Amino acid sequence: ARPGYAAAAARQGAVLLWTTPWPPSGFWTREP
């Protein structure tokens, strides 16, 4: 997807510098 991200940024007058991966998503809750 990176070329697509870069192209989408370019259409907004910006340049993609890098990507940062997050760990997998889950639920932060009061009770499990």
Full PDB file with SEQRES, HELIX, SHEET, SSBOND, CRYST1, ORIGX, SCALE, CONECT and MASTER records, all heavy atoms in Angstrom:
SEQRES   1 A   32  ALA ARG PRO GLY TYR ALA ALA ALA ALA ALA ARG GLN GLY          
SEQRES   2 A   32  ALA VAL LEU LEU TRP THR THR PRO TRP PRO PRO SER GLY          
SEQRES   3 A   32  PHE TRP THR ARG GLU PRO                                      
HELIX    1 AA1 ARG A    2  ARG A   11  1                                  10    
CRYST1    1.000    1.000    1.000  90.00  90.00  90.00 P 1           1          
ORIGX1      1.000000  0.000000  0.000000        0.00000                         
ORIGX2      0.000000  1.000000  0.000000        0.00000                         
ORIGX3      0.000000  0.000000  1.000000        0.00000                         
SCALE1      1.000000  0.000000  0.000000        0.00000                         
SCALE2      0.000000  1.000000  0.000000        0.00000                         
SCALE3      0.000000  0.000000  1.000000        0.00000                         
ATOM      1  N   ALA A   1       0.801  -1.229   0.000  1.00  0.00           N  
ATOM      2  CA  ALA A   1       0.000   0.000   0.000  1.00  0.00           C  
ATOM      3  C   ALA A   1       0.828   1.270   0.000  1.00  0.00           C  
ATOM      4  O   ALA A   1       0.306   2.342  -0.310  1.00  0.00           O  
ATOM      5  CB  ALA A   1      -0.921   0.002   1.222  1.00  0.00           C  
ATOM      6  N   ARG A   2       2.123   1.168   0.315  1.00  0.00           N  
ATOM      7  CA  ARG A   2       2.928   2.371   0.486  1.00  0.00           C  
ATOM      8  C   ARG A   2       2.913   3.305  -0.730  1.00  0.00           C  
ATOM      9  O   ARG A   2       2.788   4.525  -0.563  1.00  0.00           O  
ATOM     10  CB  ARG A   2       4.368   2.002   0.852  1.00  0.00           C  
ATOM     11  CG  ARG A   2       5.162   3.193   1.374  1.00  0.00           C  
ATOM     12  CD  ARG A   2       6.579   2.821   1.771  1.00  0.00           C  
ATOM     13  NE  ARG A   2       7.199   3.875   2.537  1.00  0.00           N  
ATOM     14  CZ  ARG A   2       7.668   5.008   2.029  1.00  0.00           C  
ATOM     15  NH1 ARG A   2       7.587   5.227   0.738  1.00  0.00           N  
ATOM     16  NH2 ARG A   2       8.200   5.922   2.815  1.00  0.00           N  
ATOM     17  N   PRO A   3       3.029   2.808  -1.970  1.00  0.00           N  
ATOM     18  CA  PRO A   3       2.943   3.735  -3.108  1.00  0.00           C  
ATOM     19  C   PRO A   3       1.607   4.483  -3.153  1.00  0.00           C  
ATOM     20  O   PRO A   3       1.564   5.660  -3.515  1.00  0.00           O  
ATOM     21  CB  PRO A   3       3.107   2.814  -4.319  1.00  0.00           C  
ATOM     22  CG  PRO A   3       3.870   1.637  -3.802  1.00  0.00           C  
ATOM     23  CD  PRO A   3       3.360   1.427  -2.410  1.00  0.00           C  
ATOM     24  N   GLY A   4       0.537   3.805  -2.770  1.00  0.00           N  
ATOM     25  CA  GLY A   4      -0.768   4.472  -2.730  1.00  0.00           C  
ATOM     26  C   GLY A   4      -0.829   5.533  -1.656  1.00  0.00           C  
ATOM     27  O   GLY A   4      -1.393   6.617  -1.873  1.00  0.00           O  
ATOM     28  N   TYR A   5      -0.254   5.242  -0.480  1.00  0.00           N  
ATOM     29  CA  TYR A   5      -0.203   6.261   0.573  1.00  0.00           C  
ATOM     30  C   TYR A   5       0.581   7.489   0.095  1.00  0.00           C  
ATOM     31  O   TYR A   5       0.176   8.631   0.333  1.00  0.00           O  
ATOM     32  CB  TYR A   5       0.482   5.706   1.826  1.00  0.00           C  
ATOM     33  CG  TYR A   5      -0.240   4.581   2.530  1.00  0.00           C  
ATOM     34  CD1 TYR A   5       0.479   3.573   3.160  1.00  0.00           C  
ATOM     35  CD2 TYR A   5      -1.627   4.526   2.594  1.00  0.00           C  
ATOM     36  CE1 TYR A   5      -0.161   2.529   3.828  1.00  0.00           C  
ATOM     37  CE2 TYR A   5      -2.278   3.495   3.254  1.00  0.00           C  
ATOM     38  CZ  TYR A   5      -1.541   2.499   3.864  1.00  0.00           C  
ATOM     39  OH  TYR A   5      -2.171   1.476   4.519  1.00  0.00           O  
ATOM     40  N   ALA A   6       1.711   7.237  -0.565  1.00  0.00           N  
ATOM     41  CA  ALA A   6       2.541   8.345  -1.045  1.00  0.00           C  
ATOM     42  C   ALA A   6       1.794   9.182  -2.085  1.00  0.00           C  
ATOM     43  O   ALA A   6       1.866  10.417  -2.076  1.00  0.00           O  
ATOM     44  CB  ALA A   6       3.843   7.804  -1.626  1.00  0.00           C  
ATOM     45  N   ALA A   7       1.069   8.501  -2.975  1.00  0.00           N  
ATOM     46  CA  ALA A   7       0.322   9.228  -4.004  1.00  0.00           C  
ATOM     47  C   ALA A   7      -0.811  10.040  -3.391  1.00  0.00           C  
ATOM     48  O   ALA A   7      -1.063  11.187  -3.794  1.00  0.00           O  
ATOM     49  CB  ALA A   7      -0.226   8.237  -5.031  1.00  0.00           C  
ATOM     50  N   ALA A   8      -1.505   9.466  -2.402  1.00  0.00           N  
ATOM     51  CA  ALA A   8      -2.582  10.195  -1.741  1.00  0.00           C  
ATOM     52  C   ALA A   8      -2.040  11.422  -1.012  1.00  0.00           C  
ATOM     53  O   ALA A   8      -2.664  12.490  -1.016  1.00  0.00           O  
ATOM     54  CB  ALA A   8      -3.309   9.274  -0.766  1.00  0.00           C  
ATOM     55  N   ALA A   9      -0.873  11.275  -0.385  1.00  0.00           N  
ATOM     56  CA  ALA A   9      -0.256  12.419   0.282  1.00  0.00           C  
ATOM     57  C   ALA A   9       0.137  13.488  -0.721  1.00  0.00           C  
ATOM     58  O   ALA A   9      -0.055  14.693  -0.477  1.00  0.00           O  
ATOM     59  CB  ALA A   9       0.965  11.961   1.078  1.00  0.00           C  
ATOM     60  N   ALA A  10       0.680  13.068  -1.847  1.00  0.00           N  
ATOM     61  CA  ALA A  10       1.108  14.027  -2.871  1.00  0.00           C  
ATOM     62  C   ALA A  10      -0.072  14.860  -3.370  1.00  0.00           C  
ATOM     63  O   ALA A  10       0.074  16.055  -3.654  1.00  0.00           O  
ATOM     64  CB  ALA A  10       1.772  13.289  -4.033  1.00  0.00           C  
ATOM     65  N   ARG A  11      -1.254  14.237  -3.463  1.00  0.00           N  
ATOM     66  CA  ARG A  11      -2.444  14.987  -3.905  1.00  0.00           C  
ATOM     67  C   ARG A  11      -2.838  16.047  -2.885  1.00  0.00           C  
ATOM     68  O   ARG A  11      -3.575  16.985  -3.213  1.00  0.00           O  
ATOM     69  CB  ARG A  11      -3.604  14.022  -4.144  1.00  0.00           C  
ATOM     70  CG  ARG A  11      -3.418  13.152  -5.385  1.00  0.00           C  
ATOM     71  CD  ARG A  11      -4.685  12.421  -5.765  1.00  0.00           C  
ATOM     72  NE  ARG A  11      -5.032  11.359  -4.829  1.00  0.00           N  
ATOM     73  CZ  ARG A  11      -4.590  10.109  -4.925  1.00  0.00           C  
ATOM     74  NH1 ARG A  11      -3.767   9.766  -5.918  1.00  0.00           N  
ATOM     75  NH2 ARG A  11      -4.957   9.206  -4.046  1.00  0.00           N  
ATOM     76  N   GLN A  12      -2.346  15.916  -1.672  1.00  0.00           N  
ATOM     77  CA  GLN A  12      -2.611  16.912  -0.629  1.00  0.00           C  
ATOM     78  C   GLN A  12      -1.434  17.866  -0.430  1.00  0.00           C  
ATOM     79  O   GLN A  12      -1.416  18.632   0.531  1.00  0.00           O  
ATOM     80  CB  GLN A  12      -2.925  16.198   0.690  1.00  0.00           C  
ATOM     81  CG  GLN A  12      -4.096  15.243   0.618  1.00  0.00           C  
ATOM     82  CD  GLN A  12      -5.394  15.923   0.243  1.00  0.00           C  
ATOM     83  OE1 GLN A  12      -5.689  17.015   0.749  1.00  0.00           O  
ATOM     84  NE2 GLN A  12      -6.182  15.300  -0.634  1.00  0.00           N  
ATOM     85  N   GLY A  13      -0.447  17.804  -1.325  1.00  0.00           N  
ATOM     86  CA  GLY A  13       0.714  18.681  -1.217  1.00  0.00           C  
ATOM     87  C   GLY A  13       1.694  18.256  -0.146  1.00  0.00           C  
ATOM     88  O   GLY A  13       2.441  19.090   0.383  1.00  0.00           O  
ATOM     89  N   ALA A  14       1.713  16.964   0.168  1.00  0.00           N  
ATOM     90  CA  ALA A  14       2.591  16.459   1.230  1.00  0.00           C  
ATOM     91  C   ALA A  14       3.418  15.290   0.714  1.00  0.00           C  
ATOM     92  O   ALA A  14       3.132  14.720  -0.342  1.00  0.00           O  
ATOM     93  CB  ALA A  14       1.775  16.032   2.445  1.00  0.00           C  
ATOM     94  N   VAL A  15       4.436  14.936   1.472  1.00  0.00           N  
ATOM     95  CA  VAL A  15       5.324  13.824   1.131  1.00  0.00           C  
ATOM     96  C   VAL A  15       5.301  12.823   2.284  1.00  0.00           C  
ATOM     97  O   VAL A  15       5.407  13.217   3.452  1.00  0.00           O  
ATOM     98  CB  VAL A  15       6.763  14.326   0.894  1.00  0.00           C  
ATOM     99  CG1 VAL A  15       7.721  13.159   0.728  1.00  0.00           C  
ATOM    100  CG2 VAL A  15       6.806  15.226  -0.334  1.00  0.00           C  
ATOM    101  N   LEU A  16       5.142  11.551   1.956  1.00  0.00           N  
ATOM    102  CA  LEU A  16       5.199  10.502   2.967  1.00  0.00           C  
ATOM    103  C   LEU A  16       6.656  10.254   3.351  1.00  0.00           C  
ATOM    104  O   LEU A  16       7.488   9.971   2.494  1.00  0.00           O  
ATOM    105  CB  LEU A  16       4.580   9.215   2.413  1.00  0.00           C  
ATOM    106  CG  LEU A  16       4.637   7.979   3.323  1.00  0.00           C  
ATOM    107  CD1 LEU A  16       3.797   8.194   4.583  1.00  0.00           C  
ATOM    108  CD2 LEU A  16       4.159   6.740   2.556  1.00  0.00           C  
ATOM    109  N   LEU A  17       6.952  10.344   4.640  1.00  0.00           N  
ATOM    110  CA  LEU A  17       8.317  10.137   5.117  1.00  0.00           C  
ATOM    111  C   LEU A  17       8.549   8.700   5.562  1.00  0.00           C  
ATOM    112  O   LEU A  17       9.524   8.070   5.155  1.00  0.00           O  
ATOM    113  CB  LEU A  17       8.614  11.082   6.290  1.00  0.00           C  
ATOM    114  CG  LEU A  17       8.582  12.583   5.991  1.00  0.00           C  
ATOM    115  CD1 LEU A  17       8.851  13.369   7.275  1.00  0.00           C  
ATOM    116  CD2 LEU A  17       9.601  12.947   4.916  1.00  0.00           C  
ATOM    117  N   TRP A  18       7.687   8.179   6.437  1.00  0.00           N  
ATOM    118  CA  TRP A  18       7.842   6.813   6.897  1.00  0.00           C  
ATOM    119  C   TRP A  18       6.514   6.303   7.448  1.00  0.00           C  
ATOM    120  O   TRP A  18       5.559   7.066   7.617  1.00  0.00           O  
ATOM    121  CB  TRP A  18       8.937   6.685   7.963  1.00  0.00           C  
ATOM    122  CG  TRP A  18       8.645   7.293   9.299  1.00  0.00           C  
ATOM    123  CD1 TRP A  18       7.890   6.755  10.310  1.00  0.00           C  
ATOM    124  CD2 TRP A  18       9.102   8.558   9.790  1.00  0.00           C  
ATOM    125  NE1 TRP A  18       7.851   7.594  11.394  1.00  0.00           N  
ATOM    126  CE2 TRP A  18       8.591   8.711  11.105  1.00  0.00           C  
ATOM    127  CE3 TRP A  18       9.902   9.570   9.266  1.00  0.00           C  
ATOM    128  CZ2 TRP A  18       8.847   9.841  11.883  1.00  0.00           C  
ATOM    129  CZ3 TRP A  18      10.163  10.682  10.039  1.00  0.00           C  
ATOM    130  CH2 TRP A  18       9.637  10.811  11.331  1.00  0.00           C  
ATOM    131  N   THR A  19       6.457   5.013   7.720  1.00  0.00           N  
ATOM    132  CA  THR A  19       5.292   4.396   8.341  1.00  0.00           C  
ATOM    133  C   THR A  19       5.699   3.827   9.693  1.00  0.00           C  
ATOM    134  O   THR A  19       6.833   3.408   9.880  1.00  0.00           O  
ATOM    135  CB  THR A  19       4.729   3.258   7.467  1.00  0.00           C  
ATOM    136  OG1 THR A  19       5.663   2.167   7.460  1.00  0.00           O  
ATOM    137  CG2 THR A  19       4.505   3.717   6.026  1.00  0.00           C  
ATOM    138  N   THR A  20       4.774   3.838  10.633  1.00  0.00           N  
ATOM    139  CA  THR A  20       5.010   3.304  11.970  1.00  0.00           C  
ATOM    140  C   THR A  20       3.965   2.241  12.277  1.00  0.00           C  
ATOM    141  O   THR A  20       2.773   2.539  12.298  1.00  0.00           O  
ATOM    142  CB  THR A  20       4.924   4.413  13.038  1.00  0.00           C  
ATOM    143  OG1 THR A  20       5.878   5.433  12.737  1.00  0.00           O  
ATOM    144  CG2 THR A  20       5.199   3.849  14.423  1.00  0.00           C  
ATOM    145  N   PRO A  21       4.370   0.993  12.512  1.00  0.00           N  
ATOM    146  CA  PRO A  21       3.404  -0.055  12.831  1.00  0.00           C  
ATOM    147  C   PRO A  21       2.996  -0.043  14.297  1.00  0.00           C  
ATOM    148  O   PRO A  21       3.822   0.179  15.173  1.00  0.00           O  
ATOM    149  CB  PRO A  21       4.170  -1.346  12.497  1.00  0.00           C  
ATOM    150  CG  PRO A  21       5.597  -0.982  12.782  1.00  0.00           C  
ATOM    151  CD  PRO A  21       5.751   0.482  12.433  1.00  0.00           C  
ATOM    152  N   TRP A  22       1.719  -0.263  14.541  1.00  0.00           N  
ATOM    153  CA  TRP A  22       1.209  -0.429  15.892  1.00  0.00           C  
ATOM    154  C   TRP A  22       1.101  -1.916  16.227  1.00  0.00           C  
ATOM    155  O   TRP A  22       0.864  -2.731  15.336  1.00  0.00           O  
ATOM    156  CB  TRP A  22      -0.182   0.187  16.011  1.00  0.00           C  
ATOM    157  CG  TRP A  22      -0.225   1.674  16.085  1.00  0.00           C  
ATOM    158  CD1 TRP A  22      -0.368   2.541  15.031  1.00  0.00           C  
ATOM    159  CD2 TRP A  22      -0.162   2.483  17.257  1.00  0.00           C  
ATOM    160  NE1 TRP A  22      -0.396   3.832  15.483  1.00  0.00           N  
ATOM    161  CE2 TRP A  22      -0.278   3.828  16.849  1.00  0.00           C  
ATOM    162  CE3 TRP A  22      -0.023   2.187  18.620  1.00  0.00           C  
ATOM    163  CZ2 TRP A  22      -0.249   4.883  17.754  1.00  0.00           C  
ATOM    164  CZ3 TRP A  22      -0.001   3.243  19.520  1.00  0.00           C  
ATOM    165  CH2 TRP A  22      -0.111   4.582  19.092  1.00  0.00           C  
ATOM    166  N   PRO A  23       1.203  -2.290  17.487  1.00  0.00           N  
ATOM    167  CA  PRO A  23       0.839  -3.652  17.891  1.00  0.00           C  
ATOM    168  C   PRO A  23      -0.650  -3.883  17.614  1.00  0.00           C  
ATOM    169  O   PRO A  23      -1.397  -2.938  17.375  1.00  0.00           O  
ATOM    170  CB  PRO A  23       1.132  -3.672  19.392  1.00  0.00           C  
ATOM    171  CG  PRO A  23       2.064  -2.523  19.622  1.00  0.00           C  
ATOM    172  CD  PRO A  23       1.688  -1.482  18.619  1.00  0.00           C  
ATOM    173  N   PRO A  24      -1.099  -5.137  17.668  1.00  0.00           N  
ATOM    174  CA  PRO A  24      -2.501  -5.417  17.338  1.00  0.00           C  
ATOM    175  C   PRO A  24      -3.475  -4.719  18.282  1.00  0.00           C  
ATOM    176  O   PRO A  24      -3.211  -4.564  19.477  1.00  0.00           O  
ATOM    177  CB  PRO A  24      -2.604  -6.940  17.460  1.00  0.00           C  
ATOM    178  CG  PRO A  24      -1.447  -7.343  18.305  1.00  0.00           C  
ATOM    179  CD  PRO A  24      -0.355  -6.366  18.003  1.00  0.00           C  
ATOM    180  N   SER A  25      -4.597  -4.335  17.725  1.00  0.00           N  
ATOM    181  CA  SER A  25      -5.614  -3.612  18.488  1.00  0.00           C  
ATOM    182  C   SER A  25      -6.434  -4.554  19.361  1.00  0.00           C  
ATOM    183  O   SER A  25      -6.652  -5.719  19.031  1.00  0.00           O  
ATOM    184  CB  SER A  25      -6.565  -2.874  17.545  1.00  0.00           C  
ATOM    185  OG  SER A  25      -5.871  -1.968  16.724  1.00  0.00           O  
ATOM    186  N   GLY A  26      -6.896  -4.009  20.465  1.00  0.00           N  
ATOM    187  CA  GLY A  26      -7.774  -4.747  21.366  1.00  0.00           C  
ATOM    188  C   GLY A  26      -8.626  -3.768  22.147  1.00  0.00           C  
ATOM    189  O   GLY A  26      -8.753  -2.596  21.774  1.00  0.00           O  
ATOM    190  N   PHE A  27      -9.182  -4.241  23.249  1.00  0.00           N  
ATOM    191  CA  PHE A  27     -10.123  -3.442  24.023  1.00  0.00           C  
ATOM    192  C   PHE A  27      -9.569  -3.137  25.409  1.00  0.00           C  
ATOM    193  O   PHE A  27      -9.247  -4.057  26.176  1.00  0.00           O  
ATOM    194  CB  PHE A  27     -11.453  -4.186  24.167  1.00  0.00           C  
ATOM    195  CG  PHE A  27     -12.060  -4.605  22.867  1.00  0.00           C  
ATOM    196  CD1 PHE A  27     -12.153  -5.946  22.537  1.00  0.00           C  
ATOM    197  CD2 PHE A  27     -12.521  -3.661  21.963  1.00  0.00           C  
ATOM    198  CE1 PHE A  27     -12.712  -6.346  21.332  1.00  0.00           C  
ATOM    199  CE2 PHE A  27     -13.076  -4.045  20.758  1.00  0.00           C  
ATOM    200  CZ  PHE A  27     -13.176  -5.395  20.431  1.00  0.00           C  
ATOM    201  N   TRP A  28      -9.454  -1.845  25.727  1.00  0.00           N  
ATOM    202  CA  TRP A  28      -9.138  -1.394  27.079  1.00  0.00           C  
ATOM    203  C   TRP A  28     -10.466  -1.163  27.783  1.00  0.00           C  
ATOM    204  O   TRP A  28     -11.279  -0.356  27.339  1.00  0.00           O  
ATOM    205  CB  TRP A  28      -8.334  -0.104  27.046  1.00  0.00           C  
ATOM    206  CG  TRP A  28      -6.932  -0.248  26.542  1.00  0.00           C  
ATOM    207  CD1 TRP A  28      -6.499  -0.117  25.248  1.00  0.00           C  
ATOM    208  CD2 TRP A  28      -5.775  -0.536  27.315  1.00  0.00           C  
ATOM    209  NE1 TRP A  28      -5.144  -0.314  25.172  1.00  0.00           N  
ATOM    210  CE2 TRP A  28      -4.670  -0.578  26.436  1.00  0.00           C  
ATOM    211  CE3 TRP A  28      -5.554  -0.775  28.676  1.00  0.00           C  
ATOM    212  CZ2 TRP A  28      -3.380  -0.836  26.869  1.00  0.00           C  
ATOM    213  CZ3 TRP A  28      -4.260  -1.032  29.110  1.00  0.00           C  
ATOM    214  CH2 TRP A  28      -3.186  -1.061  28.207  1.00  0.00           C  
ATOM    215  N   THR A  29     -10.696  -1.884  28.884  1.00  0.00           N  
ATOM    216  CA  THR A  29     -11.992  -1.833  29.549  1.00  0.00           C  
ATOM    217  C   THR A  29     -11.839  -1.862  31.072  1.00  0.00           C  
ATOM    218  O   THR A  29     -10.778  -2.186  31.600  1.00  0.00           O  
ATOM    219  CB  THR A  29     -12.861  -3.037  29.134  1.00  0.00           C  
ATOM    220  OG1 THR A  29     -12.124  -4.245  29.373  1.00  0.00           O  
ATOM    221  CG2 THR A  29     -13.231  -2.965  27.658  1.00  0.00           C  
ATOM    222  N   ARG A  30     -12.945  -1.557  31.752  1.00  0.00           N  
ATOM    223  CA  ARG A  30     -12.950  -1.651  33.211  1.00  0.00           C  
ATOM    224  C   ARG A  30     -13.009  -3.101  33.675  1.00  0.00           C  
ATOM    225  O   ARG A  30     -12.431  -3.462  34.695  1.00  0.00           O  
ATOM    226  CB  ARG A  30     -14.131  -0.865  33.784  1.00  0.00           C  
ATOM    227  CG  ARG A  30     -14.015   0.638  33.577  1.00  0.00           C  
ATOM    228  CD  ARG A  30     -15.111   1.390  34.330  1.00  0.00           C  
ATOM    229  NE  ARG A  30     -14.908   2.830  34.218  1.00  0.00           N  
ATOM    230  CZ  ARG A  30     -15.428   3.587  33.272  1.00  0.00           C  
ATOM    231  NH1 ARG A  30     -16.184   3.030  32.334  1.00  0.00           N  
ATOM    232  NH2 ARG A  30     -15.183   4.882  33.230  1.00  0.00           N  
ATOM    233  N   GLU A  31     -13.741  -3.915  32.929  1.00  0.00           N  
ATOM    234  CA  GLU A  31     -13.857  -5.339  33.217  1.00  0.00           C  
ATOM    235  C   GLU A  31     -13.428  -6.110  31.980  1.00  0.00           C  
ATOM    236  O   GLU A  31     -13.569  -5.624  30.862  1.00  0.00           O  
ATOM    237  CB  GLU A  31     -15.297  -5.713  33.595  1.00  0.00           C  
ATOM    238  CG  GLU A  31     -15.843  -4.970  34.800  1.00  0.00           C  
ATOM    239  CD  GLU A  31     -15.082  -5.294  36.075  1.00  0.00           C  
ATOM    240  OE1 GLU A  31     -14.520  -6.409  36.167  1.00  0.00           O  
ATOM    241  OE2 GLU A  31     -15.061  -4.432  36.983  1.00  0.00           O  
ATOM    242  N   PRO A  32     -12.893  -7.325  32.132  1.00  0.00           N  
ATOM    243  CA  PRO A  32     -12.453  -8.088  30.966  1.00  0.00           C  
ATOM    244  C   PRO A  32     -13.592  -8.330  29.974  1.00  0.00           C  
ATOM    245  O   PRO A  32     -14.742  -8.539  30.371  1.00  0.00           O  
ATOM    246  CB  PRO A  32     -11.975  -9.417  31.577  1.00  0.00           C  
ATOM    247  CG  PRO A  32     -11.680  -9.099  33.005  1.00  0.00           C  
ATOM    248  CD  PRO A  32     -12.650  -8.038  33.405  1.00  0.00           C  
TER     249      PRO A  32                                                      
MASTER        0    0    0    1    0    0    0    6  248    1    0    3          
END                                                                             
